[in-house]
Amino acid sequence: MGKKTVAAVNKNKEKRQARKLEQRRIADGMSVVNSANKLQDLATHCKELLVYSNLDLEVDMYIQRVTELDKNVLKWAIDLTERNMKSLYETCAWGWNRDRKVEEMTEDHAWYLIAKKKNGSPLAFSHFRFDMDFGEPVLYW
């Protein structure tokens, strides 16, 4: 084999540097996601936002990891998701797969924002988690 040209050596060096930078960027993103997933109590960061009141409605909200969520509330959230979303999923390429949706909604890193009426009955929810997507830290909400 012949000698590598200076240009070829420099190009390989640039590729290695770019690869290292990309690996560092992904590692930094994973560090952010891992830190977020280690949080025990998100509510302390937004307590003032967890109460809503107008003339007709008073709502209390709370945030819990799925592993701490009351099983009846989780069942309600899964049933509500199916009632509200199944027909939309059926119209797209993903299709509806209840088992897969339940698995997603009960993943250990899943969090829930639950809105409830003053009498304690659930009113609405949002499911979210901290994750990586295409090498970027994201909040799936």
N, C-alpha and C. Protein backbone atom coordinates (compact mmCIF):
# COMPACT_ATOMS: atom_id res chain seq x y z
N MET A 1 0.84 -1.19 0.00
CA MET A 1 0.00 0.00 0.00
C MET A 1 0.88 1.24 0.00
N GLY A 2 0.39 2.26 -0.59
CA GLY A 2 1.13 3.49 -0.66
C GLY A 2 0.96 4.33 0.59
N LYS A 3 1.74 5.38 0.67
CA LYS A 3 1.65 6.29 1.81
C LYS A 3 0.36 7.09 1.73
N LYS A 4 -0.16 7.38 2.90
CA LYS A 4 -1.35 8.23 2.95
C LYS A 4 -0.92 9.67 2.72
N THR A 5 -1.76 10.38 2.02
CA THR A 5 -1.48 11.79 1.80
C THR A 5 -1.80 12.58 3.06
N VAL A 6 -1.23 13.75 3.15
CA VAL A 6 -1.50 14.63 4.29
C VAL A 6 -3.00 14.94 4.35
N ALA A 7 -3.61 15.15 3.19
CA ALA A 7 -5.05 15.44 3.15
C ALA A 7 -5.85 14.27 3.70
N ALA A 8 -5.49 13.03 3.36
CA ALA A 8 -6.21 11.84 3.84
C ALA A 8 -6.04 11.69 5.34
N VAL A 9 -4.83 11.93 5.83
CA VAL A 9 -4.57 11.85 7.28
C VAL A 9 -5.40 12.89 8.02
N ASN A 10 -5.43 14.11 7.51
CA ASN A 10 -6.19 15.18 8.13
C ASN A 10 -7.70 14.88 8.11
N LYS A 11 -8.16 14.31 7.00
CA LYS A 11 -9.58 13.97 6.89
C LYS A 11 -9.96 12.91 7.92
N ASN A 12 -9.09 11.89 8.08
CA ASN A 12 -9.35 10.85 9.08
C ASN A 12 -9.34 11.42 10.50
N LYS A 13 -8.42 12.34 10.73
CA LYS A 13 -8.32 12.99 12.05
C LYS A 13 -9.59 13.79 12.33
N GLU A 14 -10.08 14.53 11.34
CA GLU A 14 -11.32 15.30 11.49
C GLU A 14 -12.51 14.39 11.77
N LYS A 15 -12.56 13.24 11.09
CA LYS A 15 -13.65 12.28 11.32
C LYS A 15 -13.62 11.74 12.75
N ARG A 16 -12.41 11.41 13.23
CA ARG A 16 -12.28 10.91 14.60
C ARG A 16 -12.71 11.98 15.61
N GLN A 17 -12.30 13.22 15.37
CA GLN A 17 -12.67 14.32 16.27
C GLN A 17 -14.18 14.54 16.25
N ALA A 18 -14.78 14.49 15.08
CA ALA A 18 -16.23 14.67 14.97
C ALA A 18 -16.96 13.54 15.69
N ARG A 19 -16.46 12.31 15.54
CA ARG A 19 -17.07 11.16 16.21
C ARG A 19 -16.97 11.31 17.73
N LYS A 20 -15.82 11.76 18.22
CA LYS A 20 -15.64 11.97 19.66
C LYS A 20 -16.57 13.06 20.17
N LEU A 21 -16.69 14.15 19.40
CA LEU A 21 -17.60 15.23 19.81
C LEU A 21 -19.05 14.74 19.88
N GLU A 22 -19.45 13.93 18.90
CA GLU A 22 -20.81 13.39 18.88
C GLU A 22 -21.03 12.46 20.08
N GLN A 23 -20.06 11.62 20.37
CA GLN A 23 -20.16 10.73 21.53
C GLN A 23 -20.25 11.52 22.83
N ARG A 24 -19.49 12.59 22.93
CA ARG A 24 -19.52 13.45 24.12
C ARG A 24 -20.88 14.13 24.25
N ARG A 25 -21.42 14.61 23.12
CA ARG A 25 -22.73 15.28 23.14
C ARG A 25 -23.81 14.31 23.61
N ILE A 26 -23.77 13.07 23.11
CA ILE A 26 -24.76 12.06 23.51
C ILE A 26 -24.58 11.70 24.99
N ALA A 27 -23.33 11.55 25.43
CA ALA A 27 -23.07 11.24 26.84
C ALA A 27 -23.58 12.36 27.74
N ASP A 28 -23.38 13.61 27.34
CA ASP A 28 -23.89 14.75 28.11
C ASP A 28 -25.41 14.72 28.18
N GLY A 29 -26.05 14.40 27.05
CA GLY A 29 -27.51 14.30 27.03
C GLY A 29 -28.00 13.18 27.94
N MET A 30 -27.33 12.04 27.91
CA MET A 30 -27.70 10.92 28.79
C MET A 30 -27.54 11.30 30.25
N SER A 31 -26.52 12.09 30.55
CA SER A 31 -26.31 12.55 31.92
C SER A 31 -27.50 13.41 32.39
N VAL A 32 -27.98 14.28 31.52
CA VAL A 32 -29.15 15.11 31.85
C VAL A 32 -30.37 14.24 32.07
N VAL A 33 -30.60 13.29 31.18
CA VAL A 33 -31.76 12.38 31.30
C VAL A 33 -31.65 11.55 32.58
N ASN A 34 -30.48 11.02 32.86
CA ASN A 34 -30.30 10.21 34.06
C ASN A 34 -30.53 11.03 35.32
N SER A 35 -30.07 12.28 35.33
CA SER A 35 -30.31 13.16 36.48
C SER A 35 -31.81 13.42 36.66
N ALA A 36 -32.49 13.67 35.57
CA ALA A 36 -33.95 13.90 35.64
C ALA A 36 -34.67 12.66 36.15
N ASN A 37 -34.23 11.49 35.69
CA ASN A 37 -34.89 10.25 36.10
C ASN A 37 -34.60 9.89 37.56
N LYS A 38 -33.60 10.49 38.15
CA LYS A 38 -33.30 10.24 39.56
C LYS A 38 -34.10 11.14 40.50
N LEU A 39 -34.78 12.14 39.94
CA LEU A 39 -35.58 13.03 40.79
C LEU A 39 -36.65 12.23 41.51
N GLN A 40 -36.87 12.58 42.76
CA GLN A 40 -37.88 11.89 43.55
C GLN A 40 -39.20 12.65 43.61
N ASP A 41 -39.12 13.99 43.54
CA ASP A 41 -40.31 14.80 43.73
C ASP A 41 -40.28 16.00 42.78
N LEU A 42 -41.04 15.91 41.71
CA LEU A 42 -41.10 17.03 40.75
C LEU A 42 -42.01 18.16 41.24
N ALA A 43 -42.98 17.84 42.08
CA ALA A 43 -43.97 18.83 42.51
C ALA A 43 -43.32 20.01 43.24
N THR A 44 -42.22 19.78 43.95
CA THR A 44 -41.58 20.86 44.67
C THR A 44 -41.07 21.95 43.73
N HIS A 45 -40.89 21.61 42.47
CA HIS A 45 -40.39 22.58 41.49
C HIS A 45 -41.50 23.42 40.86
N CYS A 46 -42.76 23.05 41.14
CA CYS A 46 -43.85 23.79 40.48
C CYS A 46 -45.14 23.80 41.32
N LYS A 47 -45.02 23.85 42.64
CA LYS A 47 -46.19 23.78 43.52
C LYS A 47 -47.27 24.82 43.18
N GLU A 48 -46.84 26.04 42.87
CA GLU A 48 -47.81 27.10 42.59
C GLU A 48 -48.63 26.83 41.33
N LEU A 49 -48.18 25.93 40.49
CA LEU A 49 -48.90 25.61 39.26
C LEU A 49 -49.87 24.43 39.42
N LEU A 50 -49.89 23.81 40.59
CA LEU A 50 -50.66 22.60 40.78
C LEU A 50 -52.06 22.84 41.35
N VAL A 51 -52.52 24.08 41.30
CA VAL A 51 -53.88 24.42 41.73
C VAL A 51 -54.51 25.30 40.65
N TYR A 52 -55.74 24.97 40.31
CA TYR A 52 -56.47 25.78 39.33
C TYR A 52 -57.86 26.04 39.88
N SER A 53 -58.32 27.26 39.71
CA SER A 53 -59.64 27.60 40.20
C SER A 53 -60.25 28.69 39.33
N ASN A 54 -61.51 28.49 38.96
CA ASN A 54 -62.29 29.57 38.35
C ASN A 54 -63.67 29.53 39.00
N LEU A 55 -64.63 30.24 38.48
CA LEU A 55 -65.94 30.31 39.11
C LEU A 55 -66.64 28.96 39.19
N ASP A 56 -66.43 28.11 38.20
CA ASP A 56 -67.16 26.85 38.12
C ASP A 56 -66.37 25.62 38.56
N LEU A 57 -65.07 25.75 38.70
CA LEU A 57 -64.26 24.55 38.85
C LEU A 57 -63.04 24.81 39.73
N GLU A 58 -62.81 23.91 40.67
CA GLU A 58 -61.59 23.93 41.47
C GLU A 58 -60.87 22.61 41.23
N VAL A 59 -59.61 22.70 40.85
CA VAL A 59 -58.84 21.51 40.50
C VAL A 59 -57.54 21.50 41.30
N ASP A 60 -57.26 20.36 41.90
CA ASP A 60 -55.96 20.12 42.53
C ASP A 60 -55.20 19.17 41.62
N MET A 61 -53.90 19.35 41.56
CA MET A 61 -53.09 18.47 40.73
C MET A 61 -51.93 17.93 41.55
N TYR A 62 -51.45 16.79 41.14
CA TYR A 62 -50.27 16.22 41.76
C TYR A 62 -49.46 15.48 40.70
N ILE A 63 -48.17 15.31 40.99
CA ILE A 63 -47.26 14.63 40.08
C ILE A 63 -46.69 13.42 40.82
N GLN A 64 -46.79 12.27 40.17
CA GLN A 64 -46.22 11.05 40.76
C GLN A 64 -45.60 10.18 39.69
N ARG A 65 -44.57 9.47 40.10
CA ARG A 65 -43.99 8.45 39.24
C ARG A 65 -45.00 7.30 39.17
N VAL A 66 -45.06 6.61 38.07
CA VAL A 66 -46.02 5.53 37.87
C VAL A 66 -45.91 4.47 38.96
N THR A 67 -44.72 4.24 39.46
CA THR A 67 -44.52 3.22 40.48
C THR A 67 -45.18 3.58 41.81
N GLU A 68 -45.52 4.86 41.99
CA GLU A 68 -46.18 5.32 43.22
C GLU A 68 -47.65 5.64 43.01
N LEU A 69 -48.09 5.60 41.78
CA LEU A 69 -49.45 6.00 41.44
C LEU A 69 -50.46 4.96 41.92
N ASP A 70 -51.57 5.43 42.47
CA ASP A 70 -52.65 4.55 42.88
C ASP A 70 -53.09 3.70 41.70
N LYS A 71 -53.24 2.40 41.90
CA LYS A 71 -53.57 1.47 40.81
C LYS A 71 -54.91 1.80 40.14
N ASN A 72 -55.87 2.30 40.90
CA ASN A 72 -57.16 2.68 40.32
C ASN A 72 -57.03 3.90 39.41
N VAL A 73 -56.17 4.85 39.80
CA VAL A 73 -55.92 6.03 38.97
C VAL A 73 -55.21 5.61 37.69
N LEU A 74 -54.24 4.71 37.80
CA LEU A 74 -53.54 4.22 36.61
C LEU A 74 -54.50 3.50 35.67
N LYS A 75 -55.36 2.65 36.21
CA LYS A 75 -56.36 1.96 35.38
C LYS A 75 -57.26 2.97 34.70
N TRP A 76 -57.70 3.99 35.42
CA TRP A 76 -58.53 5.05 34.85
C TRP A 76 -57.80 5.75 33.70
N ALA A 77 -56.50 6.07 33.90
CA ALA A 77 -55.72 6.76 32.86
C ALA A 77 -55.57 5.90 31.61
N ILE A 78 -55.33 4.61 31.80
CA ILE A 78 -55.19 3.71 30.65
C ILE A 78 -56.52 3.59 29.91
N ASP A 79 -57.61 3.44 30.65
CA ASP A 79 -58.94 3.35 30.02
C ASP A 79 -59.29 4.64 29.29
N LEU A 80 -58.99 5.78 29.89
CA LEU A 80 -59.27 7.07 29.26
C LEU A 80 -58.45 7.23 27.97
N THR A 81 -57.20 6.80 28.01
CA THR A 81 -56.36 6.86 26.82
C THR A 81 -56.97 6.03 25.70
N GLU A 82 -57.41 4.83 26.03
CA GLU A 82 -58.01 3.98 25.00
C GLU A 82 -59.29 4.60 24.45
N ARG A 83 -60.14 5.12 25.33
CA ARG A 83 -61.40 5.73 24.85
C ARG A 83 -61.14 6.95 23.96
N ASN A 84 -60.15 7.75 24.32
CA ASN A 84 -59.90 9.00 23.59
C ASN A 84 -58.96 8.85 22.40
N MET A 85 -58.07 7.87 22.42
CA MET A 85 -57.01 7.83 21.42
C MET A 85 -57.06 6.64 20.47
N LYS A 86 -57.75 5.60 20.82
CA LYS A 86 -57.72 4.37 20.02
C LYS A 86 -58.09 4.63 18.56
N SER A 87 -59.17 5.35 18.33
CA SER A 87 -59.60 5.58 16.94
C SER A 87 -58.58 6.40 16.16
N LEU A 88 -57.90 7.33 16.83
CA LEU A 88 -56.86 8.11 16.15
C LEU A 88 -55.66 7.24 15.80
N TYR A 89 -55.25 6.40 16.73
CA TYR A 89 -54.13 5.48 16.46
C TYR A 89 -54.46 4.54 15.31
N GLU A 90 -55.71 4.09 15.24
CA GLU A 90 -56.11 3.16 14.19
C GLU A 90 -56.03 3.76 12.79
N THR A 91 -56.03 5.09 12.71
CA THR A 91 -55.95 5.75 11.40
C THR A 91 -54.52 6.01 10.95
N CYS A 92 -53.54 5.74 11.81
CA CYS A 92 -52.14 6.00 11.42
C CYS A 92 -51.37 4.69 11.27
N ALA A 93 -50.16 4.80 10.79
CA ALA A 93 -49.34 3.62 10.51
C ALA A 93 -49.04 2.79 11.76
N TRP A 94 -48.97 3.44 12.93
CA TRP A 94 -48.67 2.70 14.16
C TRP A 94 -49.77 1.71 14.50
N GLY A 95 -51.01 2.10 14.26
CA GLY A 95 -52.13 1.28 14.67
C GLY A 95 -52.29 1.30 16.18
N TRP A 96 -53.32 0.67 16.67
CA TRP A 96 -53.57 0.61 18.11
C TRP A 96 -53.14 -0.76 18.62
N ASN A 97 -52.32 -0.75 19.67
CA ASN A 97 -51.91 -1.97 20.33
C ASN A 97 -51.99 -1.70 21.83
N ARG A 98 -53.06 -2.17 22.45
CA ARG A 98 -53.30 -1.87 23.87
C ARG A 98 -52.14 -2.32 24.75
N ASP A 99 -51.64 -3.53 24.52
CA ASP A 99 -50.55 -4.04 25.36
C ASP A 99 -49.31 -3.15 25.26
N ARG A 100 -48.99 -2.73 24.06
CA ARG A 100 -47.82 -1.85 23.88
C ARG A 100 -48.06 -0.49 24.56
N LYS A 101 -49.28 0.04 24.46
CA LYS A 101 -49.59 1.32 25.09
C LYS A 101 -49.51 1.20 26.61
N VAL A 102 -50.04 0.11 27.16
CA VAL A 102 -49.96 -0.10 28.61
C VAL A 102 -48.50 -0.22 29.05
N GLU A 103 -47.70 -0.93 28.28
CA GLU A 103 -46.27 -1.05 28.59
C GLU A 103 -45.60 0.32 28.62
N GLU A 104 -45.91 1.15 27.63
CA GLU A 104 -45.36 2.51 27.57
C GLU A 104 -45.81 3.33 28.78
N MET A 105 -47.09 3.22 29.12
CA MET A 105 -47.64 4.04 30.21
C MET A 105 -47.21 3.57 31.59
N THR A 106 -46.68 2.35 31.68
CA THR A 106 -46.28 1.82 32.99
C THR A 106 -44.76 1.64 33.10
N GLU A 107 -44.02 2.14 32.12
CA GLU A 107 -42.56 2.08 32.18
C GLU A 107 -42.08 2.74 33.48
N ASP A 108 -41.07 2.18 34.12
CA ASP A 108 -40.61 2.66 35.42
C ASP A 108 -40.29 4.16 35.48
N HIS A 109 -39.82 4.73 34.37
CA HIS A 109 -39.45 6.15 34.37
C HIS A 109 -40.62 7.07 34.04
N ALA A 110 -41.82 6.51 33.88
CA ALA A 110 -42.99 7.33 33.54
C ALA A 110 -43.45 8.14 34.75
N TRP A 111 -43.87 9.35 34.47
CA TRP A 111 -44.46 10.25 35.47
C TRP A 111 -45.89 10.58 35.03
N TYR A 112 -46.71 10.96 36.00
CA TYR A 112 -48.07 11.39 35.72
C TYR A 112 -48.37 12.69 36.43
N LEU A 113 -48.98 13.59 35.69
CA LEU A 113 -49.59 14.78 36.25
C LEU A 113 -51.08 14.48 36.28
N ILE A 114 -51.65 14.42 37.46
CA ILE A 114 -53.06 14.08 37.62
C ILE A 114 -53.82 15.30 38.11
N ALA A 115 -54.90 15.63 37.43
CA ALA A 115 -55.81 16.69 37.86
C ALA A 115 -57.04 16.01 38.46
N LYS A 116 -57.43 16.48 39.64
CA LYS A 116 -58.60 15.88 40.28
C LYS A 116 -59.53 16.97 40.80
N LYS A 117 -60.79 16.62 40.85
CA LYS A 117 -61.79 17.52 41.41
C LYS A 117 -61.59 17.59 42.92
N LYS A 118 -62.21 18.57 43.54
CA LYS A 118 -62.10 18.72 45.00
C LYS A 118 -62.60 17.49 45.74
N ASN A 119 -63.55 16.76 45.13
CA ASN A 119 -64.07 15.55 45.78
C ASN A 119 -63.11 14.36 45.63
N GLY A 120 -62.01 14.55 44.92
CA GLY A 120 -61.00 13.52 44.79
C GLY A 120 -61.07 12.70 43.52
N SER A 121 -62.15 12.83 42.75
CA SER A 121 -62.26 12.02 41.53
C SER A 121 -61.35 12.59 40.44
N PRO A 122 -60.70 11.69 39.69
CA PRO A 122 -59.78 12.16 38.64
C PRO A 122 -60.52 12.88 37.52
N LEU A 123 -59.88 13.90 37.00
CA LEU A 123 -60.48 14.74 35.96
C LEU A 123 -59.70 14.66 34.65
N ALA A 124 -58.39 14.69 34.76
CA ALA A 124 -57.53 14.68 33.57
C ALA A 124 -56.14 14.22 33.99
N PHE A 125 -55.33 13.85 32.99
CA PHE A 125 -53.96 13.46 33.30
C PHE A 125 -53.05 13.76 32.12
N SER A 126 -51.77 13.81 32.42
CA SER A 126 -50.74 13.84 31.39
C SER A 126 -49.65 12.87 31.81
N HIS A 127 -49.21 12.08 30.87
CA HIS A 127 -48.16 11.09 31.07
C HIS A 127 -46.89 11.65 30.43
N PHE A 128 -45.76 11.58 31.13
CA PHE A 128 -44.53 12.08 30.54
C PHE A 128 -43.33 11.31 31.07
N ARG A 129 -42.22 11.45 30.35
CA ARG A 129 -40.96 10.83 30.79
C ARG A 129 -39.78 11.55 30.13
N PHE A 130 -38.66 11.46 30.80
CA PHE A 130 -37.40 12.01 30.30
C PHE A 130 -36.69 10.90 29.55
N ASP A 131 -36.19 11.19 28.34
CA ASP A 131 -35.61 10.13 27.52
C ASP A 131 -34.64 10.74 26.50
N MET A 132 -34.04 9.86 25.70
CA MET A 132 -33.19 10.28 24.59
C MET A 132 -33.90 9.92 23.30
N ASP A 133 -33.80 10.79 22.30
CA ASP A 133 -34.39 10.52 20.99
C ASP A 133 -33.43 11.07 19.94
N PHE A 134 -32.96 10.19 19.06
CA PHE A 134 -32.00 10.57 18.03
C PHE A 134 -30.81 11.33 18.62
N GLY A 135 -30.33 10.84 19.77
CA GLY A 135 -29.15 11.42 20.40
C GLY A 135 -29.40 12.71 21.14
N GLU A 136 -30.65 13.10 21.32
CA GLU A 136 -30.99 14.35 22.00
C GLU A 136 -31.80 14.06 23.26
N PRO A 137 -31.52 14.76 24.37
CA PRO A 137 -32.38 14.60 25.55
C PRO A 137 -33.73 15.24 25.27
N VAL A 138 -34.80 14.53 25.59
CA VAL A 138 -36.16 15.03 25.31
C VAL A 138 -37.07 14.78 26.51
N LEU A 139 -38.14 15.51 26.55
CA LEU A 139 -39.23 15.27 27.48
C LEU A 139 -40.42 14.84 26.62
N TYR A 140 -40.77 13.56 26.69
CA TYR A 140 -41.98 13.10 26.02
C TYR A 140 -43.15 13.42 26.90
N TRP A 141 -44.10 14.19 26.41
CA TRP A 141 -45.25 14.60 27.19
C TRP A 141 -46.49 14.11 26.53
